[in-house]
Amino acid sequence: MSAASPLPNPPPQAGEGANAKPKPIDHYLQHLAAERRLSPHTVAAYQRDLANLTRLTTGKPLDALGVTDIRGAIVKLRSQNLAATSVARQLSSWRGFYTFACRRLGYPRNPCLGLRPPKAAKALPDILSPDTCARMLDGAAPPAADDALMARDRAMFELFYSSGLRLSELAGLDLDDLNLQAGEAQVTGKGRKTRIVPVGKVALDAIAAWLAQRQPLMSRRDGIPGEARANTAALFIGQHGSRLTPRSVQLRLDRWARLSGIGQHVHPHMLRHAFATHVLQSSGDLRAVQEMLGHASISTTQVYTHLDWQHLAKVYDQAHPRARKKD
């Protein structure tokens, strides 16, 4: 099921007519899939959270729940030793449903209004230093003239670091999304929103080297007719000419990091974090970083200011004569 396709209506229950309207939760899930164009995985997460609300409130009708019921459901979640972030996510799902139900389904009130999720310590993302990024990207065995897979991997990882892409955004890129002359790419992010991101010279050179290898790779692989392989729109393809899966990208990056000898596990989001942190350290322009990352809220981007402060504090501790005692 595509991100934009609505969820199918549930079959009529006993006593219901064939033209019965979907139940409130199904109505909301259709709205998320068809109107907000959220991914099937995200819609499924909302579905689980709302089913959990029904379970926690012992099946009480959703339009009859009050603030006390929602607060009691939160207490039950906390008693299960769930992380504060998990509780906050479920409360957010419930609040979103009631906001929709009040606007579209005639619900009298939103019982989630005014309730605050439990506070959770913000975990700062793992990042790579500029030197580590350079050693990793340059340190793996250089692609031989006939090694298309190495050329492809270098192009992918240079693009990750050059443009701060999400894993799904990189895997979803098509050939037509690139403009090598302008040095930019159009990516489709969360909620099917598109944005234009810059692509640096090193990444452009790596992509050009990969494109020179791409067609011969498709032509010499078995299992898929040559015409079908030639019509593959995906920028990054696997050995059989089909679009490379996100999981394959993760495994190839881990392999690349091991070949480079940096002695550290690397996942794709670490390159996105590195991009954001290094650009912010150099420019100080938080709004620009927000636009390039595709964050809907500036508060999401502000985590990188904390990372930048950690860097400055470390420099201070090492350099200032009245800073912390050194071992």
Protein backbone atom coordinates (compact mmCIF):
# COMPACT_ATOMS: atom_id res chain seq x y z
CA MET A 1 0.00 0.00 0.00
CA SER A 2 1.42 3.37 -0.95
CA ALA A 3 1.71 6.25 1.50
CA ALA A 4 -1.01 8.18 -0.36
CA SER A 5 -3.57 5.36 -0.72
CA PRO A 6 -6.46 5.37 1.76
CA LEU A 7 -7.03 2.48 4.08
CA PRO A 8 -9.82 0.17 2.95
CA ASN A 9 -13.13 0.46 4.76
CA PRO A 10 -13.74 -2.37 7.23
CA PRO A 11 -16.41 -4.87 6.22
CA PRO A 12 -19.90 -4.10 7.56
CA GLN A 13 -20.61 -5.58 10.96
CA ALA A 14 -23.68 -7.64 11.71
CA GLY A 15 -26.74 -5.42 11.49
CA GLU A 16 -24.93 -2.75 9.49
CA GLY A 17 -25.80 -1.83 5.95
CA ALA A 18 -23.38 -2.11 3.08
CA ASN A 19 -23.14 1.70 2.97
CA ALA A 20 -22.37 2.08 6.66
CA LYS A 21 -19.88 4.83 7.47
CA PRO A 22 -16.46 3.76 8.73
CA LYS A 23 -15.92 3.72 12.46
CA PRO A 24 -14.28 6.81 14.01
CA ILE A 25 -10.80 5.29 14.25
CA ASP A 26 -10.99 3.92 10.69
CA HIS A 27 -12.17 7.35 9.51
CA TYR A 28 -9.15 8.94 11.17
CA LEU A 29 -6.71 6.40 9.73
CA GLN A 30 -8.10 7.04 6.25
CA HIS A 31 -7.53 10.75 6.84
CA LEU A 32 -3.90 10.10 7.84
CA ALA A 33 -3.23 7.94 4.79
CA ALA A 34 -5.18 9.80 2.09
CA GLU A 35 -5.11 13.45 3.19
CA ARG A 36 -1.96 13.75 5.27
CA ARG A 37 -0.23 11.11 3.14
CA LEU A 38 1.59 9.48 6.01
CA SER A 39 3.47 6.26 5.41
CA PRO A 40 1.77 2.91 6.05
CA HIS A 41 4.17 2.29 8.97
CA THR A 42 3.17 5.59 10.60
CA VAL A 43 -0.54 4.92 10.08
CA ALA A 44 -0.12 1.48 11.63
CA ALA A 45 1.57 3.06 14.67
CA TYR A 46 -1.41 5.41 15.14
CA GLN A 47 -3.74 2.42 14.83
CA ARG A 48 -1.88 0.55 17.58
CA ASP A 49 -1.88 3.57 19.89
CA LEU A 50 -5.62 4.10 19.49
CA ALA A 51 -6.35 0.41 19.99
CA ASN A 52 -4.31 0.63 23.18
CA LEU A 53 -6.40 3.57 24.36
CA THR A 54 -9.56 1.47 23.92
CA ARG A 55 -7.96 -1.35 25.89
CA LEU A 56 -6.75 0.93 28.69
CA THR A 57 -10.21 2.47 29.09
CA THR A 58 -11.93 -0.96 29.07
CA GLY A 59 -13.84 -0.34 25.87
CA LYS A 60 -15.60 2.84 26.95
CA PRO A 61 -16.88 4.76 23.88
CA LEU A 62 -14.26 7.20 22.66
CA ASP A 63 -16.72 10.09 22.50
CA ALA A 64 -17.55 9.55 26.17
CA LEU A 65 -13.97 9.67 27.50
CA GLY A 66 -13.02 12.59 29.72
CA VAL A 67 -9.80 14.02 31.08
CA THR A 68 -9.93 11.63 34.04
CA ASP A 69 -10.08 8.63 31.69
CA ILE A 70 -7.07 9.80 29.68
CA ARG A 71 -5.11 10.57 32.83
CA GLY A 72 -5.92 7.11 34.14
CA ALA A 73 -4.72 5.56 30.88
CA ILE A 74 -1.43 7.43 31.22
CA VAL A 75 -1.03 6.16 34.79
CA LYS A 76 -1.55 2.60 33.56
CA LEU A 77 1.09 3.09 30.87
CA ARG A 78 3.56 4.42 33.40
CA SER A 79 2.86 1.44 35.68
CA GLN A 80 4.04 -0.81 32.83
CA ASN A 81 7.48 0.81 33.07
CA LEU A 82 7.23 2.24 29.58
CA ALA A 83 9.75 4.90 28.66
CA ALA A 84 8.54 8.47 28.96
CA THR A 85 9.01 8.90 25.21
CA SER A 86 6.68 5.96 24.50
CA VAL A 87 3.99 7.39 26.77
CA ALA A 88 4.38 10.82 25.16
CA ARG A 89 4.01 9.30 21.68
CA GLN A 90 0.77 7.55 22.60
CA LEU A 91 -0.67 10.68 24.19
CA SER A 92 0.22 12.58 21.01
CA SER A 93 -1.60 9.95 18.92
CA TRP A 94 -4.68 10.21 21.11
CA ARG A 95 -4.65 14.00 21.02
CA GLY A 96 -4.40 13.98 17.23
CA PHE A 97 -7.37 11.65 16.93
CA TYR A 98 -9.54 13.82 19.18
CA THR A 99 -8.52 16.99 17.37
CA PHE A 100 -9.73 15.35 14.14
CA ALA A 101 -12.87 13.94 15.77
CA CYS A 102 -13.88 17.31 17.19
CA ARG A 103 -13.48 18.99 13.80
CA ARG A 104 -14.88 16.31 11.53
CA LEU A 105 -16.90 13.81 13.54
CA GLY A 106 -18.83 16.06 15.91
CA TYR A 107 -17.11 14.99 19.13
CA PRO A 108 -18.02 17.41 21.95
CA ARG A 109 -14.55 17.79 23.49
CA ASN A 110 -10.90 16.80 23.32
CA PRO A 111 -10.11 15.10 26.65
CA CYS A 112 -6.37 15.24 25.92
CA LEU A 113 -6.17 19.03 25.99
CA GLY A 114 -4.14 20.36 28.89
CA LEU A 115 -2.49 17.03 29.67
CA ARG A 116 1.28 17.10 29.54
CA PRO A 117 3.36 14.04 28.70
CA PRO A 118 5.95 12.87 31.24
CA LYS A 119 9.26 14.63 30.82
CA ALA A 120 12.03 12.63 29.26
CA ALA A 121 15.69 13.45 29.06
CA LYS A 122 16.60 14.36 25.51
CA ALA A 123 19.12 11.91 24.17
CA LEU A 124 21.69 13.64 22.01
CA PRO A 125 22.42 11.80 18.77
CA ASP A 126 25.75 10.15 18.12
CA ILE A 127 27.82 12.18 15.68
CA LEU A 128 31.05 11.79 13.78
CA SER A 129 33.74 14.46 13.80
CA PRO A 130 34.73 16.06 10.48
CA ASP A 131 38.04 14.17 10.62
CA THR A 132 36.27 10.85 11.22
CA CYS A 133 33.88 11.51 8.34
CA ALA A 134 36.79 12.27 6.03
CA ARG A 135 38.69 9.16 7.13
CA MET A 136 35.65 6.97 6.65
CA LEU A 137 34.64 8.34 3.25
CA ASP A 138 38.19 8.38 1.90
CA GLY A 139 39.63 5.42 3.76
CA ALA A 140 37.78 2.45 2.29
CA ALA A 141 39.36 0.57 -0.57
CA PRO A 142 39.00 2.81 -3.64
CA PRO A 143 36.59 1.48 -6.26
CA ALA A 144 38.33 -0.26 -9.13
CA ALA A 145 37.40 0.68 -12.66
CA ASP A 146 35.04 -2.28 -12.92
CA ASP A 147 33.71 -2.26 -9.37
CA ALA A 148 30.31 -0.67 -9.80
CA LEU A 149 29.12 -1.56 -6.30
CA MET A 150 31.97 0.34 -4.65
CA ALA A 151 31.33 3.32 -6.91
CA ARG A 152 27.64 3.19 -5.99
CA ASP A 153 28.39 2.98 -2.27
CA ARG A 154 30.81 5.90 -2.38
CA ALA A 155 28.19 8.00 -4.17
CA MET A 156 25.52 7.10 -1.61
CA PHE A 157 27.61 7.91 1.43
CA GLU A 158 29.04 11.12 -0.01
CA LEU A 159 25.46 12.19 -0.75
CA PHE A 160 24.34 11.33 2.80
CA TYR A 161 27.04 13.54 4.27
CA SER A 162 26.83 16.25 1.61
CA SER A 163 23.08 16.83 1.85
CA GLY A 164 21.92 15.45 5.21
CA LEU A 165 19.38 13.03 3.76
CA ARG A 166 17.25 10.57 5.67
CA LEU A 167 17.69 6.91 4.77
CA SER A 168 14.25 6.71 3.16
CA GLU A 169 14.94 9.87 1.17
CA LEU A 170 18.17 8.52 -0.28
CA ALA A 171 16.68 5.11 -1.12
CA GLY A 172 13.73 6.83 -2.80
CA LEU A 173 15.77 9.05 -5.11
CA ASP A 174 15.19 8.71 -8.85
CA LEU A 175 17.50 9.70 -11.68
CA ASP A 176 15.21 12.63 -12.53
CA ASP A 177 15.53 14.00 -8.99
CA LEU A 178 19.16 14.98 -9.62
CA ASN A 179 20.35 18.15 -11.30
CA LEU A 180 24.09 17.69 -11.62
CA GLN A 181 24.56 20.99 -13.44
CA ALA A 182 22.86 22.99 -10.69
CA GLY A 183 24.39 20.84 -7.93
CA GLU A 184 21.11 20.02 -6.25
CA ALA A 185 18.59 17.23 -5.70
CA GLN A 186 14.87 17.12 -5.04
CA VAL A 187 14.03 14.77 -2.17
CA THR A 188 10.71 13.55 -0.81
CA GLY A 189 10.62 13.57 2.97
CA LYS A 190 8.10 12.88 5.70
CA GLY A 191 4.48 13.48 4.79
CA ARG A 192 5.47 13.27 1.11
CA LYS A 193 6.82 16.83 1.33
CA THR A 194 9.49 17.69 -1.23
CA ARG A 195 12.45 20.01 -0.82
CA ILE A 196 15.55 20.97 -2.77
CA VAL A 197 18.91 20.23 -1.15
CA PRO A 198 22.40 21.27 -2.28
CA VAL A 199 24.88 18.60 -3.35
CA GLY A 200 28.58 19.29 -2.82
CA LYS A 201 31.30 18.89 -5.44
CA VAL A 202 32.80 15.73 -3.95
CA ALA A 203 29.37 14.08 -3.89
CA LEU A 204 28.66 15.25 -7.45
CA ASP A 205 31.91 13.70 -8.65
CA ALA A 206 31.10 10.45 -6.85
CA ILE A 207 27.60 10.37 -8.36
CA ALA A 208 28.99 10.99 -11.84
CA ALA A 209 31.41 8.09 -11.37
CA TRP A 210 28.53 5.87 -10.26
CA LEU A 211 26.32 6.85 -13.20
CA ALA A 212 29.11 5.83 -15.57
CA GLN A 213 29.01 2.38 -13.92
CA ARG A 214 25.26 2.10 -13.49
CA GLN A 215 24.17 1.04 -16.96
CA PRO A 216 26.90 -1.58 -17.46
CA LEU A 217 25.97 -3.00 -14.05
CA MET A 218 22.35 -3.38 -15.13
CA SER A 219 23.24 -4.77 -18.52
CA ARG A 220 25.45 -7.57 -17.26
CA ARG A 221 23.17 -8.82 -14.51
CA ASP A 222 20.92 -11.83 -15.01
CA GLY A 223 17.39 -12.42 -13.79
CA ILE A 224 15.68 -9.29 -15.13
CA PRO A 225 15.12 -8.54 -18.84
CA GLY A 226 17.46 -5.89 -20.17
CA GLU A 227 14.65 -3.57 -21.23
CA ALA A 228 13.10 -3.65 -17.75
CA ARG A 229 16.46 -2.95 -16.17
CA ALA A 230 17.10 -0.04 -18.52
CA ASN A 231 13.79 1.53 -17.50
CA THR A 232 14.55 1.44 -13.77
CA ALA A 233 14.08 4.97 -12.47
CA ALA A 234 15.91 4.48 -9.17
CA LEU A 235 19.20 6.32 -8.77
CA PHE A 236 20.71 3.59 -6.59
CA ILE A 237 20.10 0.02 -7.68
CA GLY A 238 21.16 -3.41 -6.50
CA GLN A 239 22.87 -6.20 -8.38
CA HIS A 240 19.70 -7.21 -10.22
CA GLY A 241 18.68 -3.76 -11.39
CA SER A 242 15.96 -3.06 -8.81
CA ARG A 243 15.85 -0.18 -6.36
CA LEU A 244 18.23 -0.64 -3.43
CA THR A 245 16.35 -1.22 -0.17
CA PRO A 246 16.99 0.88 2.96
CA ARG A 247 18.22 -2.23 4.76
CA SER A 248 20.77 -2.88 2.02
CA VAL A 249 22.03 0.69 2.36
CA GLN A 250 22.49 0.19 6.12
CA LEU A 251 24.46 -3.01 5.62
CA ARG A 252 26.68 -1.48 2.93
CA LEU A 253 27.46 1.54 5.12
CA ASP A 254 28.42 -0.69 8.04
CA ARG A 255 30.70 -2.66 5.71
CA TRP A 256 32.22 0.55 4.33
CA ALA A 257 32.93 1.86 7.84
CA ARG A 258 34.69 -1.39 8.76
CA LEU A 259 36.78 -1.26 5.59
CA SER A 260 37.83 2.30 6.39
CA GLY A 261 39.24 1.18 9.75
CA ILE A 262 37.62 3.88 11.90
CA GLY A 263 36.69 1.24 14.51
CA GLN A 264 33.15 2.49 14.99
CA HIS A 265 29.70 1.27 13.97
CA VAL A 266 28.08 3.80 11.66
CA HIS A 267 24.43 3.98 10.66
CA PRO A 268 22.97 6.32 7.99
CA HIS A 269 21.41 8.77 10.44
CA MET A 270 24.84 9.45 11.92
CA LEU A 271 25.88 11.00 8.59
CA ARG A 272 22.74 13.16 8.66
CA HIS A 273 23.61 14.26 12.21
CA ALA A 274 27.19 14.94 11.15
CA PHE A 275 25.99 17.06 8.23
CA ALA A 276 23.73 19.18 10.45
CA THR A 277 26.27 19.63 13.22
CA HIS A 278 29.18 20.52 10.96
CA VAL A 279 27.14 23.01 8.90
CA LEU A 280 25.80 24.63 12.08
CA GLN A 281 29.27 24.88 13.62
CA SER A 282 30.56 26.63 10.52
CA SER A 283 27.60 28.88 9.71
CA GLY A 284 25.59 29.32 12.90
CA ASP A 285 22.46 29.51 10.71
CA LEU A 286 19.90 27.30 12.44
CA ARG A 287 17.07 28.22 10.03
CA ALA A 288 19.11 27.19 7.02
CA VAL A 289 19.94 23.85 8.64
CA GLN A 290 16.25 23.36 9.41
CA GLU A 291 15.33 23.92 5.75
CA MET A 292 18.02 21.58 4.47
CA LEU A 293 17.04 18.82 6.90
CA GLY A 294 13.33 19.20 6.15
CA HIS A 295 12.32 19.67 9.79
CA ALA A 296 8.78 20.98 10.22
CA SER A 297 9.67 22.61 13.56
CA ILE A 298 12.77 24.56 14.53
CA SER A 299 12.67 22.83 17.94
CA THR A 300 13.67 19.56 16.23
CA THR A 301 16.73 21.23 14.75
CA GLN A 302 17.72 22.86 18.02
CA VAL A 303 19.20 19.58 19.28
CA TYR A 304 22.21 20.42 17.13
CA THR A 305 22.81 23.60 19.11
CA HIS A 306 23.32 21.37 22.17
CA LEU A 307 25.82 19.29 20.22
CA ASP A 308 27.61 22.46 19.18
CA TRP A 309 27.71 23.61 22.81
CA GLN A 310 29.20 20.25 23.82
CA HIS A 311 31.95 20.82 21.29
CA LEU A 312 32.64 24.33 22.60
CA ALA A 313 32.62 23.14 26.21
CA LYS A 314 35.14 20.43 25.38
CA VAL A 315 37.44 22.96 23.72
CA TYR A 316 37.09 25.23 26.77
CA ASP A 317 37.90 22.44 29.22
CA GLN A 318 41.01 21.53 27.27
CA ALA A 319 42.27 25.05 26.62
CA HIS A 320 41.36 27.36 29.50
CA PRO A 321 43.91 27.46 32.35
CA ARG A 322 41.14 27.83 34.95
CA ALA A 323 38.87 25.12 33.51
CA ARG A 324 38.55 21.62 34.89
CA LYS A 325 41.59 19.86 36.24
CA LYS A 326 43.30 17.68 33.72
CA ASP A 327 44.35 14.12 34.52
